[in-house]
C-alpha atoms as a PDB file:
ATOM      1  CA  MET A   1       7.411 -56.160 -18.821  1.00  0.00           C
ATOM      2  CA  ARG A   2       6.087 -52.696 -19.635  1.00  0.00           C
ATOM      3  CA  PHE A   3       2.860 -53.208 -17.668  1.00  0.00           C
ATOM      4  CA  GLN A   4       4.066 -54.962 -14.547  1.00  0.00           C
ATOM      5  CA  ASN A   5       1.676 -54.203 -11.651  1.00  0.00           C
ATOM      6  CA  LYS A   6      -0.632 -52.269 -14.002  1.00  0.00           C
ATOM      7  CA  THR A   7      -4.368 -52.835 -14.394  1.00  0.00           C
ATOM      8  CA  VAL A   8      -5.718 -52.794 -17.949  1.00  0.00           C
ATOM      9  CA  LEU A   9      -9.439 -52.687 -18.770  1.00  0.00           C
ATOM     10  CA  ILE A  10     -10.349 -53.966 -22.236  1.00  0.00           C
ATOM     11  CA  THR A  11     -13.786 -53.942 -23.876  1.00  0.00           C
ATOM     12  CA  GLY A  12     -14.691 -56.153 -26.810  1.00  0.00           C
ATOM     13  CA  ALA A  13     -12.241 -58.676 -25.403  1.00  0.00           C
ATOM     14  CA  SER A  14     -13.961 -61.910 -26.399  1.00  0.00           C
ATOM     15  CA  SER A  15     -12.266 -62.161 -29.818  1.00  0.00           C
ATOM     16  CA  GLY A  16     -10.237 -60.380 -32.453  1.00  0.00           C
ATOM     17  CA  ILE A  17      -8.292 -57.257 -31.559  1.00  0.00           C
ATOM     18  CA  GLY A  18      -9.549 -57.206 -27.965  1.00  0.00           C
ATOM     19  CA  GLU A  19      -8.484 -60.798 -27.343  1.00  0.00           C
ATOM     20  CA  ALA A  20      -5.074 -60.218 -28.940  1.00  0.00           C
ATOM     21  CA  ALA A  21      -4.539 -57.102 -26.833  1.00  0.00           C
ATOM     22  CA  ALA A  22      -5.585 -58.886 -23.634  1.00  0.00           C
ATOM     23  CA  LYS A  23      -3.042 -61.637 -24.219  1.00  0.00           C
ATOM     24  CA  ALA A  24      -0.314 -59.149 -25.154  1.00  0.00           C
ATOM     25  CA  PHE A  25      -0.889 -56.959 -22.090  1.00  0.00           C
ATOM     26  CA  SER A  26      -0.845 -60.054 -19.881  1.00  0.00           C
ATOM     27  CA  ARG A  27       2.440 -61.252 -21.362  1.00  0.00           C
ATOM     28  CA  GLU A  28       3.907 -57.908 -20.350  1.00  0.00           C
ATOM     29  CA  GLY A  29       2.811 -58.240 -16.748  1.00  0.00           C
ATOM     30  CA  ALA A  30      -0.589 -56.557 -16.636  1.00  0.00           C
ATOM     31  CA  ARG A  31      -3.615 -57.554 -14.655  1.00  0.00           C
ATOM     32  CA  VAL A  32      -6.305 -57.621 -17.344  1.00  0.00           C
ATOM     33  CA  PHE A  33      -9.975 -56.916 -16.717  1.00  0.00           C
ATOM     34  CA  LEU A  34     -11.890 -58.103 -19.762  1.00  0.00           C
ATOM     35  CA  SER A  35     -15.383 -57.219 -20.863  1.00  0.00           C
ATOM     36  CA  ALA A  36     -17.658 -58.248 -23.731  1.00  0.00           C
ATOM     37  CA  ARG A  37     -21.265 -59.151 -24.440  1.00  0.00           C
ATOM     38  CA  ARG A  38     -20.490 -62.829 -25.081  1.00  0.00           C
ATOM     39  CA  ALA A  39     -19.857 -64.408 -21.718  1.00  0.00           C
ATOM     40  CA  THR A  40     -18.775 -67.873 -22.866  1.00  0.00           C
ATOM     41  CA  GLN A  41     -16.139 -66.547 -25.258  1.00  0.00           C
ATOM     42  CA  GLY A  42     -14.981 -63.867 -22.836  1.00  0.00           C
ATOM     43  CA  GLU A  43     -14.572 -66.302 -19.977  1.00  0.00           C
ATOM     44  CA  ALA A  44     -12.594 -68.586 -22.277  1.00  0.00           C
ATOM     45  CA  VAL A  45     -10.158 -65.760 -23.086  1.00  0.00           C
ATOM     46  CA  ALA A  46      -9.723 -64.980 -19.391  1.00  0.00           C
ATOM     47  CA  GLU A  47      -9.216 -68.643 -18.522  1.00  0.00           C
ATOM     48  CA  GLY A  48      -6.636 -69.000 -21.278  1.00  0.00           C
ATOM     49  CA  ILE A  49      -4.673 -66.086 -19.815  1.00  0.00           C
ATOM     50  CA  ARG A  50      -4.869 -67.551 -16.302  1.00  0.00           C
ATOM     51  CA  SER A  51      -3.764 -70.963 -17.531  1.00  0.00           C
ATOM     52  CA  ASN A  52      -0.627 -69.304 -18.897  1.00  0.00           C
ATOM     53  CA  GLY A  53       0.174 -67.757 -15.524  1.00  0.00           C
ATOM     54  CA  GLY A  54      -1.492 -64.380 -16.056  1.00  0.00           C
ATOM     55  CA  GLU A  55      -4.076 -62.559 -13.955  1.00  0.00           C
ATOM     56  CA  ALA A  56      -7.425 -61.989 -15.695  1.00  0.00           C
ATOM     57  CA  THR A  57     -11.045 -61.329 -14.783  1.00  0.00           C
ATOM     58  CA  PHE A  58     -14.028 -61.314 -17.135  1.00  0.00           C
ATOM     59  CA  PHE A  59     -17.108 -59.115 -16.695  1.00  0.00           C
ATOM     60  CA  GLN A  60     -20.055 -59.368 -19.068  1.00  0.00           C
ATOM     61  CA  ALA A  61     -21.304 -55.980 -20.295  1.00  0.00           C
ATOM     62  CA  ASP A  62     -23.040 -54.446 -23.284  1.00  0.00           C
ATOM     63  CA  MET A  63     -21.475 -51.173 -24.435  1.00  0.00           C
ATOM     64  CA  ALA A  64     -24.909 -49.923 -25.476  1.00  0.00           C
ATOM     65  CA  ASP A  65     -26.069 -50.026 -21.845  1.00  0.00           C
ATOM     66  CA  ARG A  66     -24.938 -47.157 -19.601  1.00  0.00           C
ATOM     67  CA  SER A  67     -25.667 -49.017 -16.360  1.00  0.00           C
ATOM     68  CA  GLN A  68     -23.591 -51.998 -17.472  1.00  0.00           C
ATOM     69  CA  ILE A  69     -20.669 -49.741 -18.422  1.00  0.00           C
ATOM     70  CA  LEU A  70     -20.762 -48.084 -15.003  1.00  0.00           C
ATOM     71  CA  ALA A  71     -20.931 -51.497 -13.337  1.00  0.00           C
ATOM     72  CA  MET A  72     -17.980 -52.717 -15.419  1.00  0.00           C
ATOM     73  CA  THR A  73     -15.776 -49.799 -14.419  1.00  0.00           C
ATOM     74  CA  ALA A  74     -16.744 -50.117 -10.767  1.00  0.00           C
ATOM     75  CA  ALA A  75     -16.043 -53.855 -10.815  1.00  0.00           C
ATOM     76  CA  CYS A  76     -12.591 -53.285 -12.302  1.00  0.00           C
ATOM     77  CA  VAL A  77     -11.722 -50.804  -9.561  1.00  0.00           C
ATOM     78  CA  GLU A  78     -13.132 -53.093  -6.875  1.00  0.00           C
ATOM     79  CA  THR A  79     -11.240 -56.109  -8.230  1.00  0.00           C
ATOM     80  CA  TYR A  80      -7.843 -54.556  -8.893  1.00  0.00           C
ATOM     81  CA  GLY A  81      -7.891 -51.218  -7.066  1.00  0.00           C
ATOM     82  CA  GLY A  82      -7.802 -48.922 -10.075  1.00  0.00           C
ATOM     83  CA  ILE A  83      -7.428 -48.508 -13.840  1.00  0.00           C
ATOM     84  CA  ASP A  84      -4.038 -47.686 -15.308  1.00  0.00           C
ATOM     85  CA  VAL A  85      -4.927 -48.357 -18.946  1.00  0.00           C
ATOM     86  CA  ALA A  86      -8.292 -48.511 -20.703  1.00  0.00           C
ATOM     87  CA  PHE A  87      -8.604 -49.969 -24.182  1.00  0.00           C
ATOM     88  CA  ASN A  88     -12.098 -49.077 -25.379  1.00  0.00           C
ATOM     89  CA  ASN A  89     -12.285 -51.486 -28.273  1.00  0.00           C
ATOM     90  CA  ALA A  90     -15.830 -52.883 -28.513  1.00  0.00           C
ATOM     91  CA  GLY A  91     -17.610 -52.095 -31.751  1.00  0.00           C
ATOM     92  CA  ILE A  92     -20.095 -53.287 -34.356  1.00  0.00           C
ATOM     93  CA  GLU A  93     -20.155 -52.910 -38.133  1.00  0.00           C
ATOM     94  CA  GLY A  94     -23.621 -51.473 -38.706  1.00  0.00           C
ATOM     95  CA  ALA A  95     -25.180 -51.994 -42.144  1.00  0.00           C
ATOM     96  CA  ALA A  96     -22.120 -52.460 -44.347  1.00  0.00           C
ATOM     97  CA  PHE A  97     -22.165 -51.480 -48.038  1.00  0.00           C
ATOM     98  CA  THR A  98     -25.521 -49.717 -47.727  1.00  0.00           C
ATOM     99  CA  PRO A  99     -26.058 -46.317 -49.350  1.00  0.00           C
ATOM    100  CA  THR A 100     -27.128 -43.479 -47.111  1.00  0.00           C
ATOM    101  CA  HIS A 101     -30.714 -43.231 -48.391  1.00  0.00           C
ATOM    102  CA  GLU A 102     -31.238 -46.939 -47.701  1.00  0.00           C
ATOM    103  CA  TYR A 103     -29.341 -47.139 -44.402  1.00  0.00           C
ATOM    104  CA  PRO A 104     -31.697 -48.633 -41.778  1.00  0.00           C
ATOM    105  CA  ILE A 105     -32.453 -46.250 -38.930  1.00  0.00           C
ATOM    106  CA  GLU A 106     -32.074 -49.107 -36.445  1.00  0.00           C
ATOM    107  CA  ALA A 107     -28.596 -49.910 -37.772  1.00  0.00           C
ATOM    108  CA  TRP A 108     -27.634 -46.229 -37.492  1.00  0.00           C
ATOM    109  CA  ASP A 109     -28.868 -46.080 -33.906  1.00  0.00           C
ATOM    110  CA  ASP A 110     -27.068 -49.296 -32.959  1.00  0.00           C
ATOM    111  CA  ALA A 111     -23.756 -48.231 -34.526  1.00  0.00           C
ATOM    112  CA  LEU A 112     -23.791 -44.858 -32.778  1.00  0.00           C
ATOM    113  CA  ALA A 113     -24.889 -46.396 -29.468  1.00  0.00           C
ATOM    114  CA  VAL A 114     -22.064 -48.946 -29.289  1.00  0.00           C
ATOM    115  CA  ASN A 115     -19.245 -47.398 -31.294  1.00  0.00           C
ATOM    116  CA  LEU A 116     -19.546 -43.779 -30.204  1.00  0.00           C
ATOM    117  CA  THR A 117     -21.780 -43.315 -27.174  1.00  0.00           C
ATOM    118  CA  GLY A 118     -20.374 -46.498 -25.653  1.00  0.00           C
ATOM    119  CA  VAL A 119     -16.801 -45.253 -25.994  1.00  0.00           C
ATOM    120  CA  TRP A 120     -17.790 -41.854 -24.578  1.00  0.00           C
ATOM    121  CA  LEU A 121     -19.532 -43.486 -21.612  1.00  0.00           C
ATOM    122  CA  CYS A 122     -16.483 -45.668 -21.003  1.00  0.00           C
ATOM    123  CA  MET A 123     -14.217 -42.622 -20.913  1.00  0.00           C
ATOM    124  CA  ARG A 124     -16.711 -40.740 -18.788  1.00  0.00           C
ATOM    125  CA  SER A 125     -16.553 -43.501 -16.171  1.00  0.00           C
ATOM    126  CA  GLN A 126     -12.793 -44.213 -16.457  1.00  0.00           C
ATOM    127  CA  ILE A 127     -11.407 -40.682 -16.322  1.00  0.00           C
ATOM    128  CA  PRO A 128     -12.590 -39.836 -12.771  1.00  0.00           C
ATOM    129  CA  GLN A 129     -10.720 -42.904 -11.475  1.00  0.00           C
ATOM    130  CA  MET A 130      -7.596 -41.950 -13.432  1.00  0.00           C
ATOM    131  CA  LEU A 131      -7.795 -38.406 -12.037  1.00  0.00           C
ATOM    132  CA  LYS A 132      -7.855 -39.867  -8.527  1.00  0.00           C
ATOM    133  CA  GLN A 133      -4.795 -41.974  -9.334  1.00  0.00           C
ATOM    134  CA  GLY A 134      -2.891 -39.088 -10.901  1.00  0.00           C
ATOM    135  CA  GLY A 135      -2.946 -40.305 -14.490  1.00  0.00           C
ATOM    136  CA  GLY A 136      -3.469 -43.126 -16.927  1.00  0.00           C
ATOM    137  CA  ALA A 137      -3.665 -44.004 -20.612  1.00  0.00           C
ATOM    138  CA  ILE A 138      -6.742 -44.498 -22.781  1.00  0.00           C
ATOM    139  CA  VAL A 139      -6.724 -46.017 -26.256  1.00  0.00           C
ATOM    140  CA  ASN A 140      -9.922 -46.048 -28.309  1.00  0.00           C
ATOM    141  CA  THR A 141     -10.514 -48.244 -31.336  1.00  0.00           C
ATOM    142  CA  SER A 142     -11.524 -46.128 -34.296  1.00  0.00           C
ATOM    143  CA  SER A 143     -11.074 -47.247 -37.896  1.00  0.00           C
ATOM    144  CA  LEU A 144      -9.597 -46.222 -41.211  1.00  0.00           C
ATOM    145  CA  ALA A 145     -13.254 -45.334 -41.871  1.00  0.00           C
ATOM    146  CA  GLY A 146     -12.887 -42.770 -39.098  1.00  0.00           C
ATOM    147  CA  VAL A 147     -10.199 -40.798 -40.925  1.00  0.00           C
ATOM    148  CA  LYS A 148     -11.173 -41.091 -44.609  1.00  0.00           C
ATOM    149  CA  GLY A 149     -14.377 -41.567 -46.532  1.00  0.00           C
ATOM    150  CA  PHE A 150     -15.817 -44.848 -47.776  1.00  0.00           C
ATOM    151  CA  GLY A 151     -19.132 -45.151 -49.578  1.00  0.00           C
ATOM    152  CA  GLY A 152     -21.812 -47.367 -48.103  1.00  0.00           C
ATOM    153  CA  SER A 153     -20.691 -46.875 -44.513  1.00  0.00           C
ATOM    154  CA  SER A 154     -22.534 -43.800 -43.237  1.00  0.00           C
ATOM    155  CA  GLY A 155     -23.521 -45.161 -39.819  1.00  0.00           C
ATOM    156  CA  TYR A 156     -20.220 -46.903 -39.113  1.00  0.00           C
ATOM    157  CA  ALA A 157     -18.188 -43.993 -40.468  1.00  0.00           C
ATOM    158  CA  ALA A 158     -20.146 -41.430 -38.454  1.00  0.00           C
ATOM    159  CA  SER A 159     -19.511 -43.397 -35.278  1.00  0.00           C
ATOM    160  CA  LYS A 160     -15.787 -43.758 -35.966  1.00  0.00           C
ATOM    161  CA  PHE A 161     -15.249 -40.139 -37.022  1.00  0.00           C
ATOM    162  CA  GLY A 162     -16.996 -39.331 -33.748  1.00  0.00           C
ATOM    163  CA  VAL A 163     -14.519 -41.497 -31.837  1.00  0.00           C
ATOM    164  CA  GLU A 164     -11.716 -39.406 -33.322  1.00  0.00           C
ATOM    165  CA  ALA A 165     -13.437 -36.211 -32.176  1.00  0.00           C
ATOM    166  CA  ILE A 166     -13.996 -37.284 -28.578  1.00  0.00           C
ATOM    167  CA  THR A 167     -10.491 -38.775 -28.404  1.00  0.00           C
ATOM    168  CA  LYS A 168      -8.925 -35.447 -29.385  1.00  0.00           C
ATOM    169  CA  ALA A 169     -11.225 -33.456 -27.101  1.00  0.00           C
ATOM    170  CA  ALA A 170     -10.413 -35.607 -24.074  1.00  0.00           C
ATOM    171  CA  ALA A 171      -6.699 -35.590 -24.903  1.00  0.00           C
ATOM    172  CA  LEU A 172      -6.672 -31.793 -24.723  1.00  0.00           C
ATOM    173  CA  GLU A 173      -8.842 -31.643 -21.605  1.00  0.00           C
ATOM    174  CA  TYR A 174      -6.623 -33.937 -19.523  1.00  0.00           C
ATOM    175  CA  ALA A 175      -3.179 -33.319 -21.031  1.00  0.00           C
ATOM    176  CA  GLN A 176      -2.026 -31.621 -17.822  1.00  0.00           C
ATOM    177  CA  ASN A 177      -3.538 -34.299 -15.593  1.00  0.00           C
ATOM    178  CA  GLY A 178      -1.304 -37.161 -16.662  1.00  0.00           C
ATOM    179  CA  ILE A 179      -4.019 -38.812 -18.763  1.00  0.00           C
ATOM    180  CA  ARG A 180      -3.128 -39.564 -22.382  1.00  0.00           C
ATOM    181  CA  VAL A 181      -5.903 -40.368 -24.873  1.00  0.00           C
ATOM    182  CA  ASN A 182      -5.176 -41.796 -28.325  1.00  0.00           C
ATOM    183  CA  SER A 183      -6.792 -44.015 -30.919  1.00  0.00           C
ATOM    184  CA  VAL A 184      -5.907 -46.804 -33.318  1.00  0.00           C
ATOM    185  CA  CYS A 185      -7.423 -46.838 -36.795  1.00  0.00           C
ATOM    186  CA  PRO A 186      -7.236 -50.286 -38.390  1.00  0.00           C
ATOM    187  CA  ALA A 187      -7.965 -51.098 -42.021  1.00  0.00           C
ATOM    188  CA  VAL A 188      -9.255 -54.622 -42.727  1.00  0.00           C
ATOM    189  CA  ILE A 189      -8.037 -56.944 -39.971  1.00  0.00           C
ATOM    190  CA  GLN A 190      -8.626 -60.692 -39.814  1.00  0.00           C
ATOM    191  CA  THR A 191     -11.474 -60.740 -37.283  1.00  0.00           C
ATOM    192  CA  GLU A 192     -14.989 -62.115 -37.004  1.00  0.00           C
ATOM    193  CA  MET A 193     -16.305 -58.700 -38.080  1.00  0.00           C
ATOM    194  CA  ALA A 194     -14.186 -58.798 -41.234  1.00  0.00           C
ATOM    195  CA  ASP A 195     -15.453 -62.300 -41.947  1.00  0.00           C
ATOM    196  CA  ARG A 196     -19.032 -60.994 -41.823  1.00  0.00           C
ATOM    197  CA  VAL A 197     -18.418 -57.804 -43.794  1.00  0.00           C
ATOM    198  CA  PHE A 198     -15.812 -58.756 -46.401  1.00  0.00           C
ATOM    199  CA  PHE A 199     -15.618 -62.534 -46.596  1.00  0.00           C
ATOM    200  CA  SER A 200     -19.191 -63.720 -46.123  1.00  0.00           C
ATOM    201  CA  ASP A 201     -19.189 -65.429 -49.521  1.00  0.00           C
ATOM    202  CA  GLY A 202     -16.318 -67.647 -48.358  1.00  0.00           C
ATOM    203  CA  THR A 203     -14.357 -67.293 -51.602  1.00  0.00           C
ATOM    204  CA  GLU A 204     -10.633 -66.799 -52.028  1.00  0.00           C
ATOM    205  CA  GLU A 205     -11.400 -64.107 -54.584  1.00  0.00           C
ATOM    206  CA  SER A 206     -12.981 -61.882 -51.939  1.00  0.00           C
ATOM    207  CA  ARG A 207      -9.895 -62.290 -49.775  1.00  0.00           C
ATOM    208  CA  ARG A 208      -7.602 -61.543 -52.705  1.00  0.00           C
ATOM    209  CA  LEU A 209      -9.483 -58.391 -53.644  1.00  0.00           C
ATOM    210  CA  THR A 210      -9.639 -57.180 -50.045  1.00  0.00           C
ATOM    211  CA  ALA A 211      -5.938 -57.815 -49.568  1.00  0.00           C
ATOM    212  CA  ALA A 212      -5.190 -55.946 -52.788  1.00  0.00           C
ATOM    213  CA  SER A 213      -7.051 -52.890 -51.486  1.00  0.00           C
ATOM    214  CA  HIS A 214      -4.104 -52.367 -49.108  1.00  0.00           C
ATOM    215  CA  PRO A 215      -0.792 -51.188 -50.579  1.00  0.00           C
ATOM    216  CA  MET A 216       0.947 -53.967 -48.633  1.00  0.00           C
ATOM    217  CA  ASN A 217      -1.341 -56.431 -50.472  1.00  0.00           C
ATOM    218  CA  ARG A 218      -2.426 -58.356 -47.414  1.00  0.00           C
ATOM    219  CA  ILE A 219      -4.913 -58.324 -44.555  1.00  0.00           C
ATOM    220  CA  GLY A 220      -3.749 -57.207 -41.125  1.00  0.00           C
ATOM    221  CA  THR A 221      -3.736 -59.338 -37.993  1.00  0.00           C
ATOM    222  CA  PRO A 222      -5.230 -58.560 -34.576  1.00  0.00           C
ATOM    223  CA  GLU A 223      -1.759 -58.879 -33.082  1.00  0.00           C
ATOM    224  CA  GLU A 224      -0.468 -56.062 -35.295  1.00  0.00           C
ATOM    225  CA  VAL A 225      -3.149 -53.737 -33.965  1.00  0.00           C
ATOM    226  CA  ALA A 226      -2.486 -54.913 -30.412  1.00  0.00           C
ATOM    227  CA  ASN A 227       1.185 -53.986 -30.808  1.00  0.00           C
ATOM    228  CA  ALA A 228       0.197 -50.415 -31.621  1.00  0.00           C
ATOM    229  CA  VAL A 229      -2.195 -50.315 -28.677  1.00  0.00           C
ATOM    230  CA  LEU A 230       0.484 -51.484 -26.248  1.00  0.00           C
ATOM    231  CA  TRP A 231       2.914 -48.866 -27.491  1.00  0.00           C
ATOM    232  CA  LEU A 232       0.346 -46.074 -27.108  1.00  0.00           C
ATOM    233  CA  ALA A 233      -0.513 -47.286 -23.595  1.00  0.00           C
ATOM    234  CA  SER A 234       3.129 -47.594 -22.520  1.00  0.00           C
ATOM    235  CA  ASP A 235       5.605 -45.069 -21.161  1.00  0.00           C
ATOM    236  CA  GLU A 236       7.370 -45.290 -24.522  1.00  0.00           C
ATOM    237  CA  ALA A 237       4.579 -43.034 -25.834  1.00  0.00           C
ATOM    238  CA  SER A 238       4.725 -40.659 -22.861  1.00  0.00           C
ATOM    239  CA  PHE A 239       4.706 -37.525 -25.090  1.00  0.00           C
ATOM    240  CA  VAL A 240       1.937 -38.806 -27.384  1.00  0.00           C
ATOM    241  CA  THR A 241      -1.682 -37.787 -26.872  1.00  0.00           C
ATOM    242  CA  GLY A 242      -4.578 -36.899 -29.144  1.00  0.00           C
ATOM    243  CA  GLU A 243      -3.158 -38.981 -31.988  1.00  0.00           C
ATOM    244  CA  ALA A 244      -4.788 -41.428 -34.396  1.00  0.00           C
ATOM    245  CA  ILE A 245      -2.406 -44.257 -35.286  1.00  0.00           C
ATOM    246  CA  ASN A 246      -3.346 -45.865 -38.589  1.00  0.00           C
ATOM    247  CA  VAL A 247      -2.701 -49.621 -38.671  1.00  0.00           C
ATOM    248  CA  ALA A 248      -3.673 -49.883 -42.278  1.00  0.00           C
ATOM    249  CA  GLY A 249      -0.985 -51.412 -44.471  1.00  0.00           C
ATOM    250  CA  GLY A 250      -0.375 -48.113 -46.213  1.00  0.00           C
ATOM    251  CA  SER A 251      -4.023 -47.407 -47.012  1.00  0.00           C
ATOM    252  CA  SER A 252      -3.947 -44.009 -45.331  1.00  0.00           C
ATOM    253  CA  ALA A 253      -0.830 -42.803 -47.146  1.00  0.00           C
END
């Protein structure tokens, strides 16, 4: 029970990696404060955790809206008295497989607003509370596309490379304040986003080719990413900060 009596705030918690992390943190004793844009799905995740004996609260918020991010953080503190762990996971794919000269300006703006500015605003609102408490752990969701280049992904890649930059900057700034800041960088994981980006044609061939793009010749699971997140957020990683953990089936080797 690594997170007994700990409060964990998770964005993008209505499905995929965020949902898997919420359930995993709860199983290890955490009080989980969940946020996402989709209220029906988010409430269902929270209710599922409560029905299994866990403690969970859902708060609807859009990570492209500064006022909603501030309200989310304040509600978490009001509900549970603080924030011990923040998993800033919410993200969107942008215009996948689109060359730079054709990349829609609106898609660029949206990707940067949610994936980068949203993560920065989350940290900006979470860190003052953690400073008051004397420490905490932050894990940001980046991507394999945030540590190596992929064609046709300029908006998404720019946002995720940016997540790596602000993660490292914050890690250095608060290293002596008991606040650790790290990131996870998944390759293709079986999520709704992956279904839209890689498997929209619904064929087994697309799944086979995507799996083969990883040296382990398979697609990752949300639970595998969640395991890395829990380790980074736990005392087991007490001397780890400013790191990007690739959960990528060997693709970053």
